């Protein structure tokens, strides 16, 4: 028995898991073995976006998400079931984005996921529950997004540069085509799924405003900004950067170039600091 096999045996991990553990030790900083779950994505653009937001590893056309959970002995059937469930969710997201809720069919989702229609219904009772699961998963993913620049903003030695970086990230990420399409789908189904639409707003824009307002308040206490109402200042900062490019993206499939988006972001920061910069 070689060293890797011996270690796996001592950990109680079966042969099928050894590759996953070996792969994860090169990407995970934690000492415990973790499972690396392949997730198919529809395009390099989407892969790059998800990877940059969540820190996932891009391997060819597959994003590998590190799940911080020990890989102990698990039934093979459960692993297969999880893979099929993920394939169904990925396929359904693609179909919903392409056709909308009304135009999405379970037959098309099953074909794209390469599973039977019976398997789809085994995991999800109907199209409404499948749609709910996708939106809920996207909400959870949004809640997990972290911005290192935002976290370090109160300790920044150059708040203007960091605000510019935040604005550039914000405007380039939010106007990504697949995120704009999902935004359209959620808005289009807000009457049918009001709780989902409300949750999308609460966990996305509203949560973003609150986090940014907290940072602005800290900068105000340090005398680096003048924000009597940090929440209002955060809302105005976001929409100075986003209003024009996002409104156009919602109605016009021809996106702005990266240089154009950065110009909106930079001018937003200049205007924001003119109103909320440190008192002179």
Protein backbone atom coordinates (compact mmCIF):
# COMPACT_ATOMS: atom_id res chain seq x y z
CA UNK A 1 0.00 0.00 0.00
CA UNK A 2 1.48 3.36 -1.00
CA UNK A 3 1.66 6.38 1.32
CA UNK A 4 -1.46 8.07 -0.13
CA UNK A 5 -3.52 4.88 0.05
CA UNK A 6 -2.33 4.22 3.59
CA UNK A 7 -3.30 7.72 4.71
CA UNK A 8 -6.69 7.36 3.06
CA UNK A 9 -7.26 4.03 4.72
CA UNK A 10 -6.40 5.49 8.15
CA UNK A 11 -8.87 8.33 7.51
CA UNK A 12 -11.58 5.83 6.64
CA UNK A 13 -11.89 7.13 3.07
CA UNK A 14 -12.71 4.72 0.27
CA UNK A 15 -10.71 4.42 -2.97
CA UNK A 16 -13.25 6.48 -4.91
CA UNK A 17 -12.61 9.48 -2.66
CA UNK A 18 -8.80 9.42 -2.74
CA UNK A 19 -8.50 11.45 -5.93
CA UNK A 20 -10.85 14.06 -4.52
CA UNK A 21 -8.84 14.33 -1.33
CA UNK A 22 -5.53 14.47 -3.21
CA UNK A 23 -6.89 17.19 -5.47
CA UNK A 24 -8.28 19.20 -2.57
CA UNK A 25 -4.98 19.23 -0.63
CA UNK A 26 -3.50 21.33 -3.42
CA UNK A 27 -6.29 23.93 -3.25
CA UNK A 28 -7.53 23.98 0.33
CA UNK A 29 -5.65 25.73 3.11
CA UNK A 30 -7.42 23.68 5.76
CA UNK A 31 -5.88 20.54 7.26
CA UNK A 32 -9.01 18.44 6.88
CA UNK A 33 -9.77 16.55 3.67
CA UNK A 34 -12.56 18.16 1.68
CA UNK A 35 -14.61 17.12 -1.30
CA UNK A 36 -14.15 18.95 -4.61
CA UNK A 37 -17.46 19.02 -6.45
CA UNK A 38 -17.38 19.63 -10.25
CA UNK A 39 -19.99 22.13 -11.45
CA UNK A 40 -20.66 22.59 -15.17
CA UNK A 41 -21.02 26.17 -16.39
CA UNK A 42 -22.42 27.40 -19.71
CA UNK A 43 -19.56 29.66 -20.78
CA UNK A 44 -16.07 30.90 -19.94
CA UNK A 45 -17.56 34.31 -19.15
CA UNK A 46 -19.89 32.87 -16.53
CA UNK A 47 -17.07 30.71 -15.15
CA UNK A 48 -14.73 33.68 -14.82
CA UNK A 49 -17.43 35.72 -13.10
CA UNK A 50 -18.38 33.04 -10.59
CA UNK A 51 -14.74 32.20 -9.95
CA UNK A 52 -13.79 35.81 -9.27
CA UNK A 53 -16.74 36.35 -6.94
CA UNK A 54 -16.60 33.14 -4.94
CA UNK A 55 -12.98 32.07 -5.24
CA UNK A 56 -13.75 28.83 -7.03
CA UNK A 57 -11.08 27.11 -9.09
CA UNK A 58 -11.53 27.04 -12.88
CA UNK A 59 -10.31 23.79 -14.45
CA UNK A 60 -10.96 23.83 -18.18
CA UNK A 61 -14.75 24.16 -18.48
CA UNK A 62 -15.46 23.06 -14.92
CA UNK A 63 -15.56 25.17 -11.78
CA UNK A 64 -14.47 23.32 -8.68
CA UNK A 65 -16.13 24.47 -5.49
CA UNK A 66 -14.35 23.46 -2.29
CA UNK A 67 -16.91 22.31 0.24
CA UNK A 68 -15.34 22.55 3.67
CA UNK A 69 -16.55 19.23 4.92
CA UNK A 70 -14.62 16.06 5.75
CA UNK A 71 -15.01 13.32 3.17
CA UNK A 72 -15.92 10.29 5.21
CA UNK A 73 -17.38 7.06 3.91
CA UNK A 74 -20.60 7.91 2.04
CA UNK A 75 -22.85 5.66 -0.03
CA UNK A 76 -22.14 5.68 -3.76
CA UNK A 77 -25.87 6.09 -4.41
CA UNK A 78 -25.93 9.39 -2.48
CA UNK A 79 -23.04 10.75 -4.51
CA UNK A 80 -24.76 9.86 -7.75
CA UNK A 81 -27.97 11.43 -6.53
CA UNK A 82 -26.19 14.66 -5.64
CA UNK A 83 -24.55 14.77 -9.07
CA UNK A 84 -27.89 14.29 -10.81
CA UNK A 85 -29.47 16.98 -8.67
CA UNK A 86 -26.69 19.42 -9.55
CA UNK A 87 -27.00 18.56 -13.26
CA UNK A 88 -30.75 19.22 -13.10
CA UNK A 89 -30.25 22.57 -11.36
CA UNK A 90 -27.57 23.65 -13.85
CA UNK A 91 -29.75 22.66 -16.79
CA UNK A 92 -32.84 24.32 -15.33
CA UNK A 93 -30.96 27.56 -14.71
CA UNK A 94 -29.85 27.59 -18.35
CA UNK A 95 -33.38 26.92 -19.62
CA UNK A 96 -35.03 29.46 -17.31
CA UNK A 97 -32.53 32.15 -18.34
CA UNK A 98 -33.04 31.36 -22.01
CA UNK A 99 -36.82 30.86 -22.09
CA UNK A 100 -38.15 32.46 -18.93
CA UNK A 101 -40.35 30.65 -16.43
CA UNK A 102 -43.36 30.26 -18.70
CA UNK A 103 -41.33 29.05 -21.66
CA UNK A 104 -39.26 26.53 -19.69
CA UNK A 105 -40.26 22.90 -20.12
CA UNK A 106 -39.37 19.96 -17.90
CA UNK A 107 -38.67 17.83 -20.99
CA UNK A 108 -36.05 20.31 -22.18
CA UNK A 109 -34.51 20.50 -18.71
CA UNK A 110 -34.28 16.71 -18.47
CA UNK A 111 -32.69 16.45 -21.91
CA UNK A 112 -30.09 19.12 -21.12
CA UNK A 113 -29.29 17.48 -17.77
CA UNK A 114 -29.03 14.10 -19.53
CA UNK A 115 -31.43 12.47 -17.08
CA UNK A 116 -34.93 11.11 -17.45
CA UNK A 117 -37.97 13.26 -16.83
CA UNK A 118 -38.87 10.85 -14.03
CA UNK A 119 -35.53 11.63 -12.37
CA UNK A 120 -36.28 15.36 -12.52
CA UNK A 121 -39.61 14.83 -10.78
CA UNK A 122 -37.95 12.55 -8.23
CA UNK A 123 -35.81 15.50 -7.10
CA UNK A 124 -38.33 18.30 -7.68
CA UNK A 125 -42.08 17.80 -7.50
CA UNK A 126 -42.87 20.40 -10.15
CA UNK A 127 -41.47 23.32 -12.15
CA UNK A 128 -42.42 25.84 -9.47
CA UNK A 129 -40.33 24.06 -6.82
CA UNK A 130 -37.42 23.73 -9.24
CA UNK A 131 -37.53 27.44 -10.01
CA UNK A 132 -37.75 28.24 -6.30
CA UNK A 133 -34.70 26.10 -5.58
CA UNK A 134 -32.65 27.88 -8.27
CA UNK A 135 -33.51 31.36 -7.06
CA UNK A 136 -32.91 30.34 -3.44
CA UNK A 137 -29.51 28.88 -4.35
CA UNK A 138 -28.58 32.06 -6.21
CA UNK A 139 -29.61 34.10 -3.17
CA UNK A 140 -27.37 31.97 -0.95
CA UNK A 141 -24.50 32.40 -3.41
CA UNK A 142 -25.04 36.16 -3.38
CA UNK A 143 -24.92 36.22 0.40
CA UNK A 144 -21.56 34.43 0.33
CA UNK A 145 -19.89 36.93 -1.97
CA UNK A 146 -17.17 38.85 -0.24
CA UNK A 147 -15.26 41.89 -1.32
CA UNK A 148 -11.76 42.16 0.15
CA UNK A 149 -11.54 45.83 -0.79
CA UNK A 150 -14.80 46.61 1.01
CA UNK A 151 -13.71 44.70 4.11
CA UNK A 152 -10.45 46.63 4.30
CA UNK A 153 -11.94 50.03 3.45
CA UNK A 154 -11.91 51.46 7.01
CA UNK A 155 -8.17 50.69 7.29
CA UNK A 156 -7.38 51.95 3.80
CA UNK A 157 -4.62 54.49 3.29
CA UNK A 158 -6.26 55.60 0.03
CA UNK A 159 -10.08 55.50 0.32
CA UNK A 160 -10.53 57.20 -3.05
CA UNK A 161 -8.63 54.42 -4.84
CA UNK A 162 -10.51 51.74 -2.92
CA UNK A 163 -13.87 53.36 -3.63
CA UNK A 164 -12.93 53.42 -7.30
CA UNK A 165 -12.07 49.71 -7.17
CA UNK A 166 -15.38 48.92 -5.44
CA UNK A 167 -17.33 50.91 -8.03
CA UNK A 168 -15.51 49.21 -10.92
CA UNK A 169 -16.18 45.74 -9.51
CA UNK A 170 -19.80 46.60 -8.84
CA UNK A 171 -20.57 47.91 -12.29
CA UNK A 172 -18.76 45.13 -14.17
CA UNK A 173 -20.24 42.28 -12.12
CA UNK A 174 -23.86 43.45 -11.87
CA UNK A 175 -24.07 44.08 -15.63
CA UNK A 176 -22.79 40.60 -16.57
CA UNK A 177 -25.22 39.23 -19.19
CA UNK A 178 -26.28 36.12 -17.24
CA UNK A 179 -26.92 38.16 -14.07
CA UNK A 180 -28.96 40.67 -16.06
CA UNK A 181 -31.00 37.80 -17.55
CA UNK A 182 -31.65 36.36 -14.09
CA UNK A 183 -32.68 39.81 -12.87
CA UNK A 184 -35.19 40.01 -15.74
CA UNK A 185 -36.58 36.56 -14.89
CA UNK A 186 -37.05 37.44 -11.19
CA UNK A 187 -38.72 40.76 -12.05
CA UNK A 188 -40.93 39.06 -14.64
CA UNK A 189 -42.13 36.50 -12.10
CA UNK A 190 -42.42 38.87 -9.11
CA UNK A 191 -46.23 38.65 -9.12
CA UNK A 192 -46.16 34.85 -9.22
CA UNK A 193 -43.31 34.51 -6.69
CA UNK A 194 -43.45 37.67 -4.51
CA UNK A 195 -41.52 36.11 -1.63
CA UNK A 196 -38.66 35.10 -3.93
CA UNK A 197 -38.51 38.56 -5.50
CA UNK A 198 -38.50 40.14 -2.04
CA UNK A 199 -35.76 37.78 -0.86
CA UNK A 200 -33.67 38.55 -3.97
CA UNK A 201 -33.85 42.27 -3.20
CA UNK A 202 -33.25 41.85 0.54
CA UNK A 203 -30.18 39.64 0.14
CA UNK A 204 -28.80 41.55 -2.84
CA UNK A 205 -29.22 45.32 -3.15
CA UNK A 206 -30.52 45.96 0.36
CA UNK A 207 -27.80 43.89 2.04
CA UNK A 208 -25.18 45.61 -0.14
CA UNK A 209 -26.42 49.05 0.89
CA UNK A 210 -26.26 48.12 4.57
CA UNK A 211 -22.74 46.70 4.39
CA UNK A 212 -21.48 49.71 2.47
CA UNK A 213 -23.25 52.08 4.86
CA UNK A 214 -21.46 50.43 7.78
CA UNK A 215 -18.09 51.07 6.11
CA UNK A 216 -19.04 54.65 5.27
CA UNK A 217 -20.00 55.25 8.91
CA UNK A 218 -16.57 54.01 10.01
CA UNK A 219 -14.87 56.30 7.50
CA UNK A 220 -17.06 59.15 8.77
CA UNK A 221 -15.93 58.50 12.35
CA UNK A 222 -12.33 58.71 11.09
CA UNK A 223 -12.99 62.03 9.36
CA UNK A 224 -12.37 60.55 5.90
CA UNK A 225 -15.97 61.01 4.73
CA UNK A 226 -18.79 63.33 5.68
CA UNK A 227 -21.91 61.14 5.74
CA UNK A 228 -24.66 62.32 8.12
CA UNK A 229 -26.82 59.51 6.70
CA UNK A 230 -24.47 56.62 5.75
CA UNK A 231 -27.27 54.45 4.35
CA UNK A 232 -28.48 57.17 1.99
CA UNK A 233 -24.86 57.86 1.00
CA UNK A 234 -24.36 54.15 0.21
CA UNK A 235 -27.51 54.03 -1.92
CA UNK A 236 -26.44 57.12 -3.85
CA UNK A 237 -22.91 55.74 -4.34
CA UNK A 238 -24.25 52.50 -5.84
CA UNK A 239 -26.64 54.23 -8.21
CA UNK A 240 -24.17 56.87 -9.32
CA UNK A 241 -22.14 53.95 -10.67
CA UNK A 242 -24.92 51.59 -11.76
CA UNK A 243 -27.92 53.57 -12.94
CA UNK A 244 -26.98 54.19 -16.57
CA UNK A 245 -25.19 50.92 -17.43
CA UNK A 246 -27.69 48.67 -15.60
CA UNK A 247 -30.74 50.39 -17.07
CA UNK A 248 -29.27 50.01 -20.53
CA UNK A 249 -28.32 46.37 -19.92
CA UNK A 250 -31.88 45.54 -18.88
CA UNK A 251 -33.26 46.72 -22.23
CA UNK A 252 -30.36 46.58 -24.70
CA UNK A 253 -28.40 43.35 -25.32
CA UNK A 254 -25.41 45.33 -26.60
CA UNK A 255 -23.26 45.84 -23.47
CA UNK A 256 -20.92 48.68 -22.66
CA UNK A 257 -17.22 47.95 -23.02
CA UNK A 258 -15.11 47.45 -19.89
CA UNK A 259 -13.48 50.83 -20.47
CA UNK A 260 -16.91 52.51 -20.65
CA UNK A 261 -18.04 50.76 -17.46
CA UNK A 262 -14.88 51.87 -15.65
CA UNK A 263 -15.50 55.45 -16.75
CA UNK A 264 -18.98 55.33 -15.18
CA UNK A 265 -17.43 53.96 -11.98
CA UNK A 266 -14.62 56.52 -11.82
CA UNK A 267 -16.96 59.45 -12.44
CA UNK A 268 -19.33 58.10 -9.80
CA UNK A 269 -16.52 58.19 -7.23
CA UNK A 270 -15.49 61.71 -8.26
CA UNK A 271 -19.08 62.97 -7.89
CA UNK A 272 -19.59 61.08 -4.63
CA UNK A 273 -16.47 62.52 -3.01
CA UNK A 274 -17.42 66.01 -4.13
CA UNK A 275 -20.58 65.63 -2.01
CA UNK A 276 -19.39 63.35 0.81
CA UNK A 277 -15.63 63.87 0.98
CA UNK A 278 -13.87 64.91 4.19
CA UNK A 279 -14.87 68.31 5.54
CA UNK A 280 -12.45 71.10 4.71
